[in-house]
Amino acid sequence: MYTTIRIRVKDKKRLESLAKKLGKSLSETLRIAIEIAEKEMDKFKGDLDGVLSTLKYGKDIGETNAEKVDEYLYGGAD
């Protein structure tokens, strides 16, 4: 059984790119992506709405250095 779904053109292009990398059809690639997403969601035990709401305060800070994570998080070196 099949159905038609509507997605943004941008998302379709991303799916096509991923399908090409995987060497799979669009439907098989979508099936794989859903399976991975379900597994990842099962692992997550936090408040997803809380995580997503904090993203609106994020900004691109350019290239970073993992050794300076405290400086990035807390503002300034101690």
Protein backbone atom coordinates (compact mmCIF):
# COMPACT_ATOMS: atom_id res chain seq x y z
CA MET A 1 0.00 0.00 0.00
CA TYR A 2 1.31 3.46 -0.88
CA THR A 3 0.33 7.06 -0.22
CA THR A 4 1.49 10.52 -1.21
CA ILE A 5 2.95 12.92 1.33
CA ARG A 6 3.66 16.63 0.98
CA ILE A 7 7.04 17.91 2.13
CA ARG A 8 8.95 21.11 1.53
CA VAL A 9 11.03 21.16 -1.65
CA LYS A 10 14.13 21.84 0.47
CA ASP A 11 13.49 18.66 2.51
CA LYS A 12 12.90 16.63 -0.66
CA LYS A 13 16.25 17.78 -2.03
CA ARG A 14 17.93 16.80 1.24
CA LEU A 15 16.24 13.39 1.08
CA GLU A 16 17.34 12.97 -2.54
CA SER A 17 20.92 13.83 -1.59
CA LEU A 18 20.87 11.33 1.26
CA ALA A 19 19.32 8.68 -0.99
CA LYS A 20 22.08 9.19 -3.53
CA LYS A 21 24.75 8.80 -0.83
CA LEU A 22 23.08 5.62 0.44
CA GLY A 23 22.37 4.24 -3.01
CA LYS A 24 18.72 3.77 -2.05
CA SER A 25 15.35 4.93 -3.34
CA LEU A 26 13.61 7.91 -1.76
CA SER A 27 11.09 5.68 -0.01
CA GLU A 28 13.78 3.36 1.37
CA THR A 29 15.85 6.35 2.53
CA LEU A 30 12.81 7.83 4.28
CA ARG A 31 12.12 4.46 5.93
CA ILE A 32 15.75 4.31 7.18
CA ALA A 33 15.59 7.89 8.49
CA ILE A 34 12.37 7.14 10.38
CA GLU A 35 13.85 3.99 11.92
CA ILE A 36 16.93 5.92 13.08
CA ALA A 37 14.79 8.75 14.47
CA GLU A 38 12.61 6.30 16.40
CA LYS A 39 15.65 4.61 17.93
CA GLU A 40 17.18 7.95 18.91
CA MET A 41 13.90 9.18 20.43
CA ASP A 42 13.68 5.99 22.50
CA LYS A 43 17.18 6.74 23.89
CA PHE A 44 16.30 10.32 24.85
CA LYS A 45 14.96 10.60 28.40
CA GLY A 46 14.91 14.40 28.80
CA ASP A 47 12.34 17.06 28.11
CA LEU A 48 12.44 17.46 24.32
CA ASP A 49 10.28 20.59 24.41
CA GLY A 50 12.73 22.16 26.85
CA VAL A 51 15.68 21.33 24.63
CA LEU A 52 13.97 22.63 21.52
CA SER A 53 12.85 25.85 23.21
CA THR A 54 16.43 26.67 24.25
CA LEU A 55 17.57 26.46 20.63
CA LYS A 56 15.82 29.73 19.83
CA TYR A 57 18.46 31.48 21.97
CA GLY A 58 21.39 29.86 20.13
CA LYS A 59 23.55 31.67 17.65
CA ASP A 60 26.43 30.86 15.34
CA ILE A 61 29.68 31.71 17.11
CA GLY A 62 31.87 30.52 14.27
CA GLU A 63 34.72 28.10 14.61
CA THR A 64 35.29 26.96 18.18
CA ASN A 65 37.93 25.17 20.24
CA ALA A 66 36.64 22.34 22.44
CA GLU A 67 39.33 23.12 25.03
CA LYS A 68 37.61 26.46 25.67
CA VAL A 69 34.15 25.02 26.39
CA ASP A 70 33.98 26.61 29.87
CA GLU A 71 34.80 29.99 28.39
CA TYR A 72 32.06 29.60 25.78
CA LEU A 73 29.49 28.45 28.35
CA TYR A 74 30.32 30.67 31.29
CA GLY A 75 31.91 33.70 29.62
CA GLY A 76 35.58 34.28 30.17
CA ALA A 77 38.52 32.27 31.40
CA ASP A 78 38.95 31.69 35.15
